[in-house]
Amino acid sequence: LKAFSRDDDEKAFSFASPAIQRGFESPQAFGDMVRERYPAVYSAKTVRFREQVPHEGFVVQRVQLRGPNGLYWDAYYRMERQDGGWCIGGVVLEQVAGGI
């Protein structure tokens, strides 16, 4: 999220899982997709990390976001272990009525 806030597609791409990285020809293409499909992630105005829910082989990290248009979202990040670190294996957004 910090990388996106600095328009650093290359750094943001480095946090994506290998499976996600294989789906894009470049970090720029990845950033373009996030800007277009997930503006609340790319340009979040408010970020609040909430609970982590462990699953076998991965963890889901819930993050509450306020997007650039003022709408609120719960982002559920699938976090996967890769080479001793964590990477993002996907995200699902759910709009929240009201606010966070």
PDB file of N, CA and C in Angstrom:
ATOM      1  N   LEU A   1       0.830  -1.206   0.000  1.00  0.00           N
ATOM      2  CA  LEU A   1       0.000   0.000   0.000  1.00  0.00           C
ATOM      3  C   LEU A   1       0.863   1.254   0.000  1.00  0.00           C
ATOM      4  N   LYS A   2       1.980   1.221   0.744  1.00  0.00           N
ATOM      5  CA  LYS A   2       2.885   2.369   0.723  1.00  0.00           C
ATOM      6  C   LYS A   2       3.496   2.550  -0.662  1.00  0.00           C
ATOM      7  N   ALA A   3       3.851   1.447  -1.305  1.00  0.00           N
ATOM      8  CA  ALA A   3       4.432   1.546  -2.647  1.00  0.00           C
ATOM      9  C   ALA A   3       3.437   2.174  -3.610  1.00  0.00           C
ATOM     10  N   PHE A   4       2.180   1.759  -3.565  1.00  0.00           N
ATOM     11  CA  PHE A   4       1.169   2.350  -4.438  1.00  0.00           C
ATOM     12  C   PHE A   4       1.000   3.834  -4.134  1.00  0.00           C
ATOM     13  N   SER A   5       1.046   4.213  -2.855  1.00  0.00           N
ATOM     14  CA  SER A   5       0.863   5.625  -2.511  1.00  0.00           C
ATOM     15  C   SER A   5       1.990   6.489  -3.065  1.00  0.00           C
ATOM     16  N   ARG A   6       3.141   5.873  -3.372  1.00  0.00           N
ATOM     17  CA  ARG A   6       4.283   6.587  -3.960  1.00  0.00           C
ATOM     18  C   ARG A   6       4.386   6.340  -5.472  1.00  0.00           C
ATOM     19  N   ASP A   7       3.338   5.724  -6.051  1.00  0.00           N
ATOM     20  CA  ASP A   7       3.337   5.375  -7.482  1.00  0.00           C
ATOM     21  C   ASP A   7       4.549   4.519  -7.850  1.00  0.00           C
ATOM     22  N   ASP A   8       4.944   3.634  -6.947  1.00  0.00           N
ATOM     23  CA  ASP A   8       6.097   2.760  -7.160  1.00  0.00           C
ATOM     24  C   ASP A   8       5.602   1.365  -7.531  1.00  0.00           C
ATOM     25  N   ASP A   9       5.223   1.211  -8.802  1.00  0.00           N
ATOM     26  CA  ASP A   9       4.685  -0.063  -9.272  1.00  0.00           C
ATOM     27  C   ASP A   9       5.697  -1.191  -9.116  1.00  0.00           C
ATOM     28  N   GLU A  10       6.960  -0.899  -9.324  1.00  0.00           N
ATOM     29  CA  GLU A  10       7.985  -1.939  -9.224  1.00  0.00           C
ATOM     30  C   GLU A  10       8.059  -2.503  -7.797  1.00  0.00           C
ATOM     31  N   LYS A  11       8.052  -1.642  -6.803  1.00  0.00           N
ATOM     32  CA  LYS A  11       8.097  -2.097  -5.409  1.00  0.00           C
ATOM     33  C   LYS A  11       6.823  -2.860  -5.062  1.00  0.00           C
ATOM     34  N   ALA A  12       5.675  -2.348  -5.459  1.00  0.00           N
ATOM     35  CA  ALA A  12       4.411  -3.030  -5.182  1.00  0.00           C
ATOM     36  C   ALA A  12       4.407  -4.418  -5.825  1.00  0.00           C
ATOM     37  N   PHE A  13       4.889  -4.505  -7.044  1.00  0.00           N
ATOM     38  CA  PHE A  13       4.947  -5.770  -7.775  1.00  0.00           C
ATOM     39  C   PHE A  13       5.835  -6.771  -7.046  1.00  0.00           C
ATOM     40  N   SER A  14       6.862  -6.282  -6.369  1.00  0.00           N
ATOM     41  CA  SER A  14       7.781  -7.182  -5.665  1.00  0.00           C
ATOM     42  C   SER A  14       7.095  -7.898  -4.501  1.00  0.00           C
ATOM     43  N   PHE A  15       5.975  -7.385  -4.010  1.00  0.00           N
ATOM     44  CA  PHE A  15       5.244  -8.016  -2.920  1.00  0.00           C
ATOM     45  C   PHE A  15       4.215  -9.033  -3.424  1.00  0.00           C
ATOM     46  N   ALA A  16       3.986  -9.093  -4.725  1.00  0.00           N
ATOM     47  CA  ALA A  16       3.031 -10.041  -5.296  1.00  0.00           C
ATOM     48  C   ALA A  16       3.655 -11.434  -5.348  1.00  0.00           C
ATOM     49  N   SER A  17       2.823 -12.447  -5.197  1.00  0.00           N
ATOM     50  CA  SER A  17       3.300 -13.828  -5.257  1.00  0.00           C
ATOM     51  C   SER A  17       3.847 -14.127  -6.654  1.00  0.00           C
ATOM     52  N   PRO A  18       4.685 -15.129  -6.761  1.00  0.00           N
ATOM     53  CA  PRO A  18       5.185 -15.519  -8.087  1.00  0.00           C
ATOM     54  C   PRO A  18       4.053 -15.829  -9.065  1.00  0.00           C
ATOM     55  N   ALA A  19       2.986 -16.444  -8.589  1.00  0.00           N
ATOM     56  CA  ALA A  19       1.855 -16.757  -9.478  1.00  0.00           C
ATOM     57  C   ALA A  19       1.234 -15.491 -10.050  1.00  0.00           C
ATOM     58  N   ILE A  20       1.091 -14.458  -9.235  1.00  0.00           N
ATOM     59  CA  ILE A  20       0.543 -13.189  -9.723  1.00  0.00           C
ATOM     60  C   ILE A  20       1.538 -12.538 -10.674  1.00  0.00           C
ATOM     61  N   GLN A  21       2.796 -12.519 -10.316  1.00  0.00           N
ATOM     62  CA  GLN A  21       3.807 -11.895 -11.170  1.00  0.00           C
ATOM     63  C   GLN A  21       3.838 -12.517 -12.562  1.00  0.00           C
ATOM     64  N   ARG A  22       3.652 -13.831 -12.636  1.00  0.00           N
ATOM     65  CA  ARG A  22       3.664 -14.498 -13.953  1.00  0.00           C
ATOM     66  C   ARG A  22       2.521 -14.031 -14.851  1.00  0.00           C
ATOM     67  N   GLY A  23       1.478 -13.471 -14.256  1.00  0.00           N
ATOM     68  CA  GLY A  23       0.324 -13.025 -15.028  1.00  0.00           C
ATOM     69  C   GLY A  23       0.477 -11.651 -15.663  1.00  0.00           C
ATOM     70  N   PHE A  24       1.620 -11.000 -15.439  1.00  0.00           N
ATOM     71  CA  PHE A  24       1.826  -9.645 -15.955  1.00  0.00           C
ATOM     72  C   PHE A  24       3.161  -9.554 -16.667  1.00  0.00           C
ATOM     73  N   GLU A  25       3.183  -8.789 -17.737  1.00  0.00           N
ATOM     74  CA  GLU A  25       4.424  -8.647 -18.503  1.00  0.00           C
ATOM     75  C   GLU A  25       5.420  -7.706 -17.849  1.00  0.00           C
ATOM     76  N   SER A  26       4.936  -6.872 -16.914  1.00  0.00           N
ATOM     77  CA  SER A  26       5.834  -5.909 -16.279  1.00  0.00           C
ATOM     78  C   SER A  26       5.186  -5.362 -15.006  1.00  0.00           C
ATOM     79  N   PRO A  27       5.996  -4.763 -14.128  1.00  0.00           N
ATOM     80  CA  PRO A  27       5.424  -4.087 -12.963  1.00  0.00           C
ATOM     81  C   PRO A  27       4.442  -2.976 -13.368  1.00  0.00           C
ATOM     82  N   GLN A  28       4.739  -2.286 -14.458  1.00  0.00           N
ATOM     83  CA  GLN A  28       3.844  -1.218 -14.938  1.00  0.00           C
ATOM     84  C   GLN A  28       2.472  -1.776 -15.310  1.00  0.00           C
ATOM     85  N   ALA A  29       2.443  -2.930 -15.973  1.00  0.00           N
ATOM     86  CA  ALA A  29       1.168  -3.556 -16.343  1.00  0.00           C
ATOM     87  C   ALA A  29       0.391  -3.955 -15.092  1.00  0.00           C
ATOM     88  N   PHE A  30       1.095  -4.433 -14.085  1.00  0.00           N
ATOM     89  CA  PHE A  30       0.473  -4.776 -12.806  1.00  0.00           C
ATOM     90  C   PHE A  30      -0.125  -3.516 -12.167  1.00  0.00           C
ATOM     91  N   GLY A  31       0.662  -2.444 -12.089  1.00  0.00           N
ATOM     92  CA  GLY A  31       0.181  -1.186 -11.523  1.00  0.00           C
ATOM     93  C   GLY A  31      -1.011  -0.638 -12.276  1.00  0.00           C
ATOM     94  N   ASP A  32      -0.982  -0.734 -13.604  1.00  0.00           N
ATOM     95  CA  ASP A  32      -2.118  -0.270 -14.414  1.00  0.00           C
ATOM     96  C   ASP A  32      -3.388  -1.032 -14.054  1.00  0.00           C
ATOM     97  N   MET A  33      -3.268  -2.348 -13.878  1.00  0.00           N
ATOM     98  CA  MET A  33      -4.427  -3.163 -13.526  1.00  0.00           C
ATOM     99  C   MET A  33      -4.968  -2.746 -12.156  1.00  0.00           C
ATOM    100  N   VAL A  34      -4.090  -2.560 -11.172  1.00  0.00           N
ATOM    101  CA  VAL A  34      -4.546  -2.185  -9.831  1.00  0.00           C
ATOM    102  C   VAL A  34      -5.201  -0.802  -9.861  1.00  0.00           C
ATOM    103  N   ARG A  35      -4.600   0.149 -10.584  1.00  0.00           N
ATOM    104  CA  ARG A  35      -5.197   1.491 -10.690  1.00  0.00           C
ATOM    105  C   ARG A  35      -6.602   1.418 -11.281  1.00  0.00           C
ATOM    106  N   GLU A  36      -6.778   0.583 -12.284  1.00  0.00           N
ATOM    107  CA  GLU A  36      -8.069   0.503 -12.977  1.00  0.00           C
ATOM    108  C   GLU A  36      -9.114  -0.288 -12.187  1.00  0.00           C
ATOM    109  N   ARG A  37      -8.729  -1.443 -11.660  1.00  0.00           N
ATOM    110  CA  ARG A  37      -9.698  -2.340 -11.035  1.00  0.00           C
ATOM    111  C   ARG A  37      -9.828  -2.160  -9.522  1.00  0.00           C
ATOM    112  N   TYR A  38      -8.793  -1.616  -8.878  1.00  0.00           N
ATOM    113  CA  TYR A  38      -8.784  -1.500  -7.420  1.00  0.00           C
ATOM    114  C   TYR A  38      -8.336  -0.100  -6.978  1.00  0.00           C
ATOM    115  N   PRO A  39      -9.058   0.941  -7.375  1.00  0.00           N
ATOM    116  CA  PRO A  39      -8.623   2.299  -7.004  1.00  0.00           C
ATOM    117  C   PRO A  39      -8.564   2.513  -5.490  1.00  0.00           C
ATOM    118  N   ALA A  40      -9.395   1.816  -4.728  1.00  0.00           N
ATOM    119  CA  ALA A  40      -9.353   1.966  -3.268  1.00  0.00           C
ATOM    120  C   ALA A  40      -8.042   1.432  -2.705  1.00  0.00           C
ATOM    121  N   VAL A  41      -7.447   0.444  -3.361  1.00  0.00           N
ATOM    122  CA  VAL A  41      -6.154  -0.092  -2.944  1.00  0.00           C
ATOM    123  C   VAL A  41      -5.042   0.843  -3.408  1.00  0.00           C
ATOM    124  N   TYR A  42      -5.093   1.244  -4.663  1.00  0.00           N
ATOM    125  CA  TYR A  42      -4.001   2.041  -5.225  1.00  0.00           C
ATOM    126  C   TYR A  42      -3.916   3.435  -4.603  1.00  0.00           C
ATOM    127  N   SER A  43      -5.063   4.019  -4.322  1.00  0.00           N
ATOM    128  CA  SER A  43      -5.091   5.407  -3.829  1.00  0.00           C
ATOM    129  C   SER A  43      -5.824   5.517  -2.502  1.00  0.00           C
ATOM    130  N   ALA A  44      -5.579   4.586  -1.599  1.00  0.00           N
ATOM    131  CA  ALA A  44      -6.262   4.588  -0.298  1.00  0.00           C
ATOM    132  C   ALA A  44      -5.967   5.877   0.462  1.00  0.00           C
ATOM    133  N   LYS A  45      -6.998   6.478   1.017  1.00  0.00           N
ATOM    134  CA  LYS A  45      -6.853   7.690   1.830  1.00  0.00           C
ATOM    135  C   LYS A  45      -6.709   7.349   3.310  1.00  0.00           C
ATOM    136  N   THR A  46      -7.302   6.223   3.717  1.00  0.00           N
ATOM    137  CA  THR A  46      -7.196   5.729   5.084  1.00  0.00           C
ATOM    138  C   THR A  46      -6.919   4.239   5.018  1.00  0.00           C
ATOM    139  N   VAL A  47      -5.994   3.769   5.858  1.00  0.00           N
ATOM    140  CA  VAL A  47      -5.642   2.347   5.909  1.00  0.00           C
ATOM    141  C   VAL A  47      -5.611   1.924   7.366  1.00  0.00           C
ATOM    142  N   ARG A  48      -6.350   0.868   7.679  1.00  0.00           N
ATOM    143  CA  ARG A  48      -6.342   0.311   9.040  1.00  0.00           C
ATOM    144  C   ARG A  48      -6.198  -1.201   8.938  1.00  0.00           C
ATOM    145  N   PHE A  49      -5.097  -1.709   9.476  1.00  0.00           N
ATOM    146  CA  PHE A  49      -4.882  -3.149   9.495  1.00  0.00           C
ATOM    147  C   PHE A  49      -5.689  -3.745  10.638  1.00  0.00           C
ATOM    148  N   ARG A  50      -6.424  -4.790  10.322  1.00  0.00           N
ATOM    149  CA  ARG A  50      -7.272  -5.454  11.316  1.00  0.00           C
ATOM    150  C   ARG A  50      -6.754  -6.872  11.542  1.00  0.00           C
ATOM    151  N   GLU A  51      -7.644  -7.789  11.838  1.00  0.00           N
ATOM    152  CA  GLU A  51      -7.244  -9.128  12.239  1.00  0.00           C
ATOM    153  C   GLU A  51      -6.638  -9.943  11.091  1.00  0.00           C
ATOM    154  N   GLN A  52      -5.851 -10.910  11.520  1.00  0.00           N
ATOM    155  CA  GLN A  52      -5.322 -11.924  10.605  1.00  0.00           C
ATOM    156  C   GLN A  52      -6.028 -13.235  10.929  1.00  0.00           C
ATOM    157  N   VAL A  53      -6.436 -13.955   9.901  1.00  0.00           N
ATOM    158  CA  VAL A  53      -7.098 -15.230  10.089  1.00  0.00           C
ATOM    159  C   VAL A  53      -6.233 -16.310   9.455  1.00  0.00           C
ATOM    160  N   PRO A  54      -5.632 -17.177  10.293  1.00  0.00           N
ATOM    161  CA  PRO A  54      -4.770 -18.221   9.744  1.00  0.00           C
ATOM    162  C   PRO A  54      -5.585 -19.329   9.082  1.00  0.00           C
ATOM    163  N   HIS A  55      -5.064 -19.828   7.985  1.00  0.00           N
ATOM    164  CA  HIS A  55      -5.598 -20.980   7.266  1.00  0.00           C
ATOM    165  C   HIS A  55      -4.423 -21.901   7.000  1.00  0.00           C
ATOM    166  N   GLU A  56      -4.699 -23.112   6.635  1.00  0.00           N
ATOM    167  CA  GLU A  56      -3.605 -24.017   6.323  1.00  0.00           C
ATOM    168  C   GLU A  56      -2.895 -23.546   5.054  1.00  0.00           C
ATOM    169  N   GLY A  57      -1.644 -23.152   5.204  1.00  0.00           N
ATOM    170  CA  GLY A  57      -0.836 -22.732   4.065  1.00  0.00           C
ATOM    171  C   GLY A  57      -0.872 -21.248   3.733  1.00  0.00           C
ATOM    172  N   PHE A  58      -1.742 -20.473   4.383  1.00  0.00           N
ATOM    173  CA  PHE A  58      -1.805 -19.030   4.119  1.00  0.00           C
ATOM    174  C   PHE A  58      -2.520 -18.326   5.266  1.00  0.00           C
ATOM    175  N   VAL A  59      -2.487 -17.001   5.240  1.00  0.00           N
ATOM    176  CA  VAL A  59      -3.167 -16.161   6.226  1.00  0.00           C
ATOM    177  C   VAL A  59      -3.994 -15.135   5.456  1.00  0.00           C
ATOM    178  N   VAL A  60      -5.172 -14.825   5.963  1.00  0.00           N
ATOM    179  CA  VAL A  60      -5.958 -13.727   5.393  1.00  0.00           C
ATOM    180  C   VAL A  60      -5.813 -12.528   6.324  1.00  0.00           C
ATOM    181  N   GLN A  61      -5.328 -11.424   5.761  1.00  0.00           N
ATOM    182  CA  GLN A  61      -5.165 -10.178   6.496  1.00  0.00           C
ATOM    183  C   GLN A  61      -6.275  -9.222   6.070  1.00  0.00           C
ATOM    184  N   ARG A  62      -7.114  -8.810   7.023  1.00  0.00           N
ATOM    185  CA  ARG A  62      -8.168  -7.847   6.698  1.00  0.00           C
ATOM    186  C   ARG A  62      -7.618  -6.443   6.885  1.00  0.00           C
ATOM    187  N   VAL A  63      -7.842  -5.605   5.883  1.00  0.00           N
ATOM    188  CA  VAL A  63      -7.415  -4.212   5.912  1.00  0.00           C
ATOM    189  C   VAL A  63      -8.629  -3.357   5.566  1.00  0.00           C
ATOM    190  N   GLN A  64      -8.905  -2.365   6.385  1.00  0.00           N
ATOM    191  CA  GLN A  64      -9.998  -1.444   6.088  1.00  0.00           C
ATOM    192  C   GLN A  64      -9.429  -0.227   5.376  1.00  0.00           C
ATOM    193  N   LEU A  65     -10.072   0.144   4.284  1.00  0.00           N
ATOM    194  CA  LEU A  65      -9.604   1.232   3.424  1.00  0.00           C
ATOM    195  C   LEU A  65     -10.703   2.253   3.204  1.00  0.00           C
ATOM    196  N   ARG A  66     -10.302   3.501   3.027  1.00  0.00           N
ATOM    197  CA  ARG A  66     -11.190   4.527   2.477  1.00  0.00           C
ATOM    198  C   ARG A  66     -10.581   4.911   1.154  1.00  0.00           C
ATOM    199  N   GLY A  67     -11.341   4.699   0.107  1.00  0.00           N
ATOM    200  CA  GLY A  67     -10.843   4.959  -1.233  1.00  0.00           C
ATOM    201  C   GLY A  67     -10.853   6.436  -1.589  1.00  0.00           C
ATOM    202  N   PRO A  68     -10.325   6.762  -2.778  1.00  0.00           N
ATOM    203  CA  PRO A  68     -10.224   8.165  -3.197  1.00  0.00           C
ATOM    204  C   PRO A  68     -11.574   8.843  -3.386  1.00  0.00           C
ATOM    205  N   ASN A  69     -12.627   8.046  -3.580  1.00  0.00           N
ATOM    206  CA  ASN A  69     -13.962   8.632  -3.757  1.00  0.00           C
ATOM    207  C   ASN A  69     -14.734   8.711  -2.446  1.00  0.00           C
ATOM    208  N   GLY A  70     -14.073   8.379  -1.315  1.00  0.00           N
ATOM    209  CA  GLY A  70     -14.706   8.476  -0.005  1.00  0.00           C
ATOM    210  C   GLY A  70     -15.435   7.220   0.438  1.00  0.00           C
ATOM    211  N   LEU A  71     -15.536   6.211  -0.424  1.00  0.00           N
ATOM    212  CA  LEU A  71     -16.203   4.969  -0.041  1.00  0.00           C
ATOM    213  C   LEU A  71     -15.268   4.117   0.810  1.00  0.00           C
ATOM    214  N   TYR A  72     -15.861   3.296   1.677  1.00  0.00           N
ATOM    215  CA  TYR A  72     -15.098   2.448   2.582  1.00  0.00           C
ATOM    216  C   TYR A  72     -15.144   0.996   2.118  1.00  0.00           C
ATOM    217  N   TRP A  73     -14.022   0.301   2.338  1.00  0.00           N
ATOM    218  CA  TRP A  73     -13.866  -1.066   1.862  1.00  0.00           C
ATOM    219  C   TRP A  73     -13.160  -1.919   2.899  1.00  0.00           C
ATOM    220  N   ASP A  74     -13.526  -3.192   2.953  1.00  0.00           N
ATOM    221  CA  ASP A  74     -12.719  -4.206   3.616  1.00  0.00           C
ATOM    222  C   ASP A  74     -11.960  -4.914   2.513  1.00  0.00           C
ATOM    223  N   ALA A  75     -10.651  -4.965   2.651  1.00  0.00           N
ATOM    224  CA  ALA A  75      -9.803  -5.686   1.704  1.00  0.00           C
ATOM    225  C   ALA A  75      -9.292  -6.925   2.424  1.00  0.00           C
ATOM    226  N   TYR A  76      -9.518  -8.079   1.822  1.00  0.00           N
ATOM    227  CA  TYR A  76      -9.073  -9.346   2.393  1.00  0.00           C
ATOM    228  C   TYR A  76      -7.889  -9.843   1.558  1.00  0.00           C
ATOM    229  N   TYR A  77      -6.691  -9.699   2.122  1.00  0.00           N
ATOM    230  CA  TYR A  77      -5.462 -10.076   1.425  1.00  0.00           C
ATOM    231  C   TYR A  77      -5.090 -11.511   1.776  1.00  0.00           C
ATOM    232  N   ARG A  78      -4.877 -12.315   0.760  1.00  0.00           N
ATOM    233  CA  ARG A  78      -4.342 -13.661   0.956  1.00  0.00           C
ATOM    234  C   ARG A  78      -2.824 -13.531   1.011  1.00  0.00           C
ATOM    235  N   MET A  79      -2.255 -13.824   2.175  1.00  0.00           N
ATOM    236  CA  MET A  79      -0.820 -13.706   2.390  1.00  0.00           C
ATOM    237  C   MET A  79      -0.202 -15.099   2.387  1.00  0.00           C
ATOM    238  N   GLU A  80       0.813 -15.260   1.551  1.00  0.00           N
ATOM    239  CA  GLU A  80       1.459 -16.564   1.391  1.00  0.00           C
ATOM    240  C   GLU A  80       2.930 -16.461   1.759  1.00  0.00           C
ATOM    241  N   ARG A  81       3.453 -17.502   2.370  1.00  0.00           N
ATOM    242  CA  ARG A  81       4.887 -17.567   2.691  1.00  0.00           C
ATOM    243  C   ARG A  81       5.662 -17.977   1.456  1.00  0.00           C
ATOM    244  N   GLN A  82       6.690 -17.198   1.147  1.00  0.00           N
ATOM    245  CA  GLN A  82       7.575 -17.494   0.018  1.00  0.00           C
ATOM    246  C   GLN A  82       8.995 -17.195   0.454  1.00  0.00           C
ATOM    247  N   ASP A  83       9.863 -18.175   0.417  1.00  0.00           N
ATOM    248  CA  ASP A  83      11.278 -17.977   0.742  1.00  0.00           C
ATOM    249  C   ASP A  83      11.474 -17.259   2.074  1.00  0.00           C
ATOM    250  N   GLY A  84      10.718 -17.643   3.084  1.00  0.00           N
ATOM    251  CA  GLY A  84      10.886 -17.062   4.407  1.00  0.00           C
ATOM    252  C   GLY A  84      10.191 -15.740   4.631  1.00  0.00           C
ATOM    253  N   GLY A  85       9.586 -15.147   3.607  1.00  0.00           N
ATOM    254  CA  GLY A  85       8.879 -13.884   3.745  1.00  0.00           C
ATOM    255  C   GLY A  85       7.423 -14.049   3.354  1.00  0.00           C
ATOM    256  N   TRP A  86       6.710 -12.966   3.376  1.00  0.00           N
ATOM    257  CA  TRP A  86       5.287 -12.978   3.015  1.00  0.00           C
ATOM    258  C   TRP A  86       5.082 -12.260   1.691  1.00  0.00           C
ATOM    259  N   CYS A  87       4.177 -12.776   0.891  1.00  0.00           N
ATOM    260  CA  CYS A  87       3.800 -12.099  -0.348  1.00  0.00           C
ATOM    261  C   CYS A  87       2.284 -12.158  -0.477  1.00  0.00           C
ATOM    262  N   ILE A  88       1.776 -11.339  -1.372  1.00  0.00           N
ATOM    263  CA  ILE A  88       0.327 -11.230  -1.574  1.00  0.00           C
ATOM    264  C   ILE A  88      -0.089 -12.172  -2.684  1.00  0.00           C
ATOM    265  N   GLY A  89      -0.999 -13.076  -2.344  1.00  0.00           N
ATOM    266  CA  GLY A  89      -1.491 -14.043  -3.315  1.00  0.00           C
ATOM    267  C   GLY A  89      -2.823 -13.648  -3.922  1.00  0.00           C
ATOM    268  N   GLY A  90      -3.395 -12.543  -3.483  1.00  0.00           N
ATOM    269  CA  GLY A  90      -4.655 -12.069  -4.030  1.00  0.00           C
ATOM    270  C   GLY A  90      -5.349 -11.152  -3.033  1.00  0.00           C
ATOM    271  N   VAL A  91      -6.358 -10.467  -3.513  1.00  0.00           N
ATOM    272  CA  VAL A  91      -7.144  -9.587  -2.651  1.00  0.00           C
ATOM    273  C   VAL A  91      -8.582  -9.593  -3.138  1.00  0.00           C
ATOM    274  N   VAL A  92      -9.490  -9.545  -2.181  1.00  0.00           N
ATOM    275  CA  VAL A  92     -10.922  -9.420  -2.462  1.00  0.00           C
ATOM    276  C   VAL A  92     -11.404  -8.181  -1.719  1.00  0.00           C
ATOM    277  N   LEU A  93     -12.119  -7.304  -2.417  1.00  0.00           N
ATOM    278  CA  LEU A  93     -12.652  -6.087  -1.795  1.00  0.00           C
ATOM    279  C   LEU A  93     -14.149  -6.242  -1.575  1.00  0.00           C
ATOM    280  N   GLU A  94     -14.591  -5.732  -0.428  1.00  0.00           N
ATOM    281  CA  GLU A  94     -16.009  -5.722  -0.109  1.00  0.00           C
ATOM    282  C   GLU A  94     -16.356  -4.329   0.398  1.00  0.00           C
ATOM    283  N   GLN A  95     -17.310  -3.681  -0.254  1.00  0.00           N
ATOM    284  CA  GLN A  95     -17.690  -2.338   0.167  1.00  0.00           C
ATOM    285  C   GLN A  95     -18.382  -2.391   1.519  1.00  0.00           C
ATOM    286  N   VAL A  96     -18.074  -1.400   2.370  1.00  0.00           N
ATOM    287  CA  VAL A  96     -18.631  -1.324   3.721  1.00  0.00           C
ATOM    288  C   VAL A  96     -19.623  -0.166   3.747  1.00  0.00           C
ATOM    289  N   ALA A  97     -20.820  -0.447   4.221  1.00  0.00           N
ATOM    290  CA  ALA A  97     -21.810   0.616   4.369  1.00  0.00           C
ATOM    291  C   ALA A  97     -21.412   1.502   5.551  1.00  0.00           C
ATOM    292  N   GLY A  98     -21.563   2.789   5.410  1.00  0.00           N
ATOM    293  CA  GLY A  98     -21.246   3.708   6.495  1.00  0.00           C
ATOM    294  C   GLY A  98     -19.787   4.114   6.466  1.00  0.00           C
ATOM    295  N   GLY A  99     -19.008   3.606   7.382  1.00  0.00           N
ATOM    296  CA  GLY A  99     -17.596   3.967   7.453  1.00  0.00           C
ATOM    297  C   GLY A  99     -16.836   3.001   8.327  1.00  0.00           C
ATOM    298  N   ILE A 100     -15.599   3.318   8.533  1.00  0.00           N
ATOM    299  CA  ILE A 100     -14.775   2.440   9.364  1.00  0.00           C
ATOM    300  C   ILE A 100     -14.323   3.179  10.606  1.00  0.00           C
TER     301      ILE A 100
END
